[in-house]
Amino acid sequence: MSLCRSILLIQYEDNGIECADIESIWLTIHPHRLPRHTSSILLAVVNHPPSSSTEDNNLLKDHLKSNTDLFLADHPDALVIITGDFNPSSTKLNTNLISGCLYMSQIIKCKTRDLGILYLCFVNKAILFESPKQLPKVGNSDHYAILVKPSTQSCSNPTKSVVFKREIRESSLANFGKWI
């Protein structure tokens, strides 16, 4: 039994998902089960080198914006996740500017390395995720693992409510008329 109907590496002819100057991979995922009002998932993984300049930062921002806009034009209810090593401290990348232009939330708030937050995760439906948790370092690495789990709140069962209604059958109306 497969978990997904399909996982596709997406490529658009015009404007293109691929950019020679940006290290990224873009996938569309169509799992069998998704939260309501979510048609598919666009997952992007980005590596933005620490030696990137301000011009490279602007190119990355434009690349992320054009690709998400292009995908959301075809799939407006999609969940978009953009994650990876952005190196914001060494590249002076403004994560608030990226969040604002993409209309997405950056959900990683804990350290991903001893130096600070290097790995970011932008999502357009932050309510679907719990707050990420920092896990121990892997092996001899100085990078922490980060756990991002789906929110159980959005999957909870609705509360039952009792509705009372008045009977309006012929016999009930006749009884009411006799009573009056």
Protein backbone atom coordinates (compact mmCIF):
# COMPACT_ATOMS: atom_id res chain seq x y z
CA MET A 1 0.00 0.00 0.00
CA SER A 2 1.54 3.31 -1.03
CA LEU A 3 1.28 6.46 1.05
CA CYS A 4 0.96 8.77 -1.93
CA ARG A 5 -0.82 8.78 -5.24
CA SER A 6 2.14 10.53 -6.81
CA ILE A 7 5.28 12.49 -6.13
CA LEU A 8 6.40 14.59 -9.07
CA LEU A 9 9.43 16.70 -9.71
CA ILE A 10 7.71 19.69 -11.25
CA GLN A 11 9.02 21.65 -14.17
CA TYR A 12 7.29 24.57 -15.79
CA GLU A 13 8.15 25.66 -19.31
CA ASP A 14 7.62 29.39 -18.81
CA ASN A 15 9.47 31.16 -15.97
CA GLY A 16 10.77 27.71 -14.94
CA ILE A 17 11.07 26.07 -11.58
CA GLU A 18 14.76 25.54 -12.19
CA CYS A 19 17.31 28.31 -11.87
CA ALA A 20 20.99 27.67 -12.56
CA ASP A 21 22.09 30.03 -9.76
CA ILE A 22 19.81 28.59 -7.05
CA GLU A 23 20.27 25.20 -5.37
CA SER A 24 16.69 23.95 -4.95
CA ILE A 25 14.44 21.02 -5.68
CA TRP A 26 10.65 21.34 -6.03
CA LEU A 27 8.25 18.43 -5.55
CA THR A 28 4.48 18.10 -5.72
CA ILE A 29 3.05 15.47 -3.42
CA HIS A 30 -0.47 14.04 -3.54
CA PRO A 31 -0.96 11.85 -0.43
CA HIS A 32 -4.14 9.80 0.01
CA ARG A 33 -5.04 11.75 3.16
CA LEU A 34 -4.79 15.49 3.46
CA PRO A 35 -6.45 18.04 5.73
CA ARG A 36 -9.65 19.56 4.40
CA HIS A 37 -9.20 22.48 2.04
CA THR A 38 -5.78 21.19 0.95
CA SER A 39 -5.57 19.82 -2.58
CA SER A 40 -1.87 18.92 -2.76
CA ILE A 41 1.53 19.73 -1.27
CA LEU A 42 4.34 21.70 -2.86
CA LEU A 43 7.63 20.93 -1.12
CA ALA A 44 10.78 22.89 -1.88
CA VAL A 45 14.19 22.23 -0.36
CA VAL A 46 16.73 25.04 -0.72
CA ASN A 47 20.45 25.35 -0.01
CA HIS A 48 21.56 29.00 0.11
CA PRO A 49 25.39 29.03 0.54
CA PRO A 50 26.95 31.17 3.31
CA SER A 51 29.02 33.07 0.71
CA SER A 52 25.87 34.48 -0.99
CA SER A 53 25.73 38.20 -1.71
CA THR A 54 22.84 40.66 -1.49
CA GLU A 55 22.22 40.11 -5.20
CA ASP A 56 22.02 36.34 -4.57
CA ASN A 57 19.54 36.98 -1.74
CA ASN A 58 17.30 39.00 -4.07
CA LEU A 59 17.56 36.31 -6.76
CA LEU A 60 16.53 33.66 -4.20
CA LYS A 61 13.56 35.76 -3.04
CA ASP A 62 12.39 36.29 -6.62
CA HIS A 63 12.87 32.58 -7.40
CA LEU A 64 10.79 31.49 -4.40
CA LYS A 65 8.09 34.07 -5.12
CA SER A 66 7.71 33.26 -8.83
CA ASN A 67 7.62 29.49 -8.25
CA THR A 68 5.06 29.59 -5.44
CA ASP A 69 2.87 32.06 -7.36
CA LEU A 70 3.04 29.88 -10.46
CA PHE A 71 2.07 26.76 -8.52
CA LEU A 72 -0.67 28.42 -6.44
CA ALA A 73 -2.22 29.83 -9.62
CA ASP A 74 -2.89 26.21 -10.69
CA HIS A 75 -3.55 24.82 -7.17
CA PRO A 76 -4.95 27.61 -4.94
CA ASP A 77 -5.73 25.23 -2.04
CA ALA A 78 -2.27 23.65 -1.92
CA LEU A 79 -0.07 23.47 1.16
CA VAL A 80 3.31 25.05 0.38
CA ILE A 81 6.39 24.11 2.41
CA ILE A 82 9.76 25.73 1.64
CA THR A 83 12.57 24.50 3.83
CA GLY A 84 16.34 24.14 3.83
CA ASP A 85 19.64 25.70 4.80
CA PHE A 86 19.25 29.44 4.24
CA ASN A 87 22.27 30.61 6.32
CA PRO A 88 20.54 33.89 7.25
CA SER A 89 23.24 35.00 9.71
CA SER A 90 26.14 34.86 7.23
CA THR A 91 24.20 35.96 4.11
CA LYS A 92 22.28 38.75 5.91
CA LEU A 93 19.11 37.26 4.38
CA ASN A 94 16.02 39.08 5.65
CA THR A 95 13.63 36.26 6.57
CA ASN A 96 10.83 38.72 7.41
CA LEU A 97 11.03 40.10 3.88
CA ILE A 98 10.76 36.60 2.42
CA SER A 99 7.84 35.72 4.71
CA GLY A 100 6.08 38.91 3.69
CA CYS A 101 6.52 38.57 -0.06
CA LEU A 102 5.51 34.89 -0.01
CA TYR A 103 2.59 35.43 2.41
CA MET A 104 3.99 32.57 4.48
CA SER A 105 5.07 32.00 8.09
CA GLN A 106 8.55 30.95 9.14
CA ILE A 107 7.82 28.33 11.82
CA ILE A 108 11.32 27.37 13.08
CA LYS A 109 12.01 29.39 16.23
CA CYS A 110 14.56 27.13 17.99
CA LYS A 111 18.29 26.90 17.28
CA THR A 112 19.26 24.57 14.45
CA ARG A 113 22.96 24.98 15.14
CA ASP A 114 25.00 26.29 18.07
CA LEU A 115 25.38 29.59 16.20
CA GLY A 116 21.65 30.14 15.77
CA ILE A 117 18.92 29.37 13.24
CA LEU A 118 20.34 28.27 9.88
CA TYR A 119 17.48 26.07 8.71
CA LEU A 120 14.17 27.73 7.98
CA CYS A 121 10.73 26.37 7.17
CA PHE A 122 8.20 28.63 5.44
CA VAL A 123 4.59 27.37 5.27
CA ASN A 124 1.41 28.97 3.97
CA LYS A 125 -0.86 27.10 6.44
CA ALA A 126 0.96 27.30 9.78
CA ILE A 127 -2.15 26.20 11.68
CA LEU A 128 -1.63 22.68 10.33
CA PHE A 129 1.63 22.28 12.29
CA GLU A 130 2.62 22.08 15.93
CA SER A 131 5.47 24.23 17.18
CA PRO A 132 8.76 22.65 15.97
CA LYS A 133 10.91 20.98 18.61
CA GLN A 134 14.67 20.85 18.84
CA LEU A 135 16.08 17.32 19.04
CA PRO A 136 19.64 16.29 19.99
CA LYS A 137 22.55 16.68 17.60
CA VAL A 138 23.10 13.87 15.13
CA GLY A 139 26.42 12.08 15.70
CA ASN A 140 29.40 14.45 15.85
CA SER A 141 27.55 17.18 13.97
CA ASP A 142 27.04 20.64 15.44
CA HIS A 143 23.57 20.76 13.84
CA TYR A 144 20.44 19.96 15.80
CA ALA A 145 17.64 17.87 14.32
CA ILE A 146 14.28 19.65 14.22
CA LEU A 147 10.96 17.81 14.52
CA VAL A 148 7.94 19.35 12.78
CA LYS A 149 4.71 17.45 13.42
CA PRO A 150 1.23 17.95 12.02
CA SER A 151 -1.19 19.54 14.42
CA THR A 152 -3.69 17.21 16.04
CA GLN A 153 -5.98 20.14 16.74
CA SER A 154 -7.11 20.40 13.11
CA CYS A 155 -7.94 16.66 13.05
CA SER A 156 -10.08 16.60 16.20
CA ASN A 157 -13.63 15.29 16.09
CA PRO A 158 -16.35 17.93 16.11
CA THR A 159 -18.36 18.22 19.32
CA LYS A 160 -21.85 16.80 19.29
CA SER A 161 -24.73 19.18 19.79
CA VAL A 162 -28.35 18.40 20.62
CA VAL A 163 -31.05 20.15 18.61
CA PHE A 164 -34.62 20.30 19.86
CA LYS A 165 -37.40 20.85 17.37
CA ARG A 166 -41.13 21.14 17.68
CA GLU A 167 -43.33 18.46 16.15
CA ILE A 168 -45.72 19.90 13.58
CA ARG A 169 -47.66 16.82 12.46
CA GLU A 170 -51.41 17.11 11.87
CA SER A 171 -52.21 15.20 15.08
CA SER A 172 -49.88 17.47 17.13
CA LEU A 173 -51.54 20.59 15.72
CA ALA A 174 -55.01 19.14 16.45
CA ASN A 175 -54.00 18.38 20.04
CA PHE A 176 -52.60 21.88 20.42
CA GLY A 177 -55.85 23.34 19.03
CA LYS A 178 -57.94 21.31 21.51
CA TRP A 179 -55.71 22.46 24.35
CA ILE A 180 -56.16 26.12 23.49
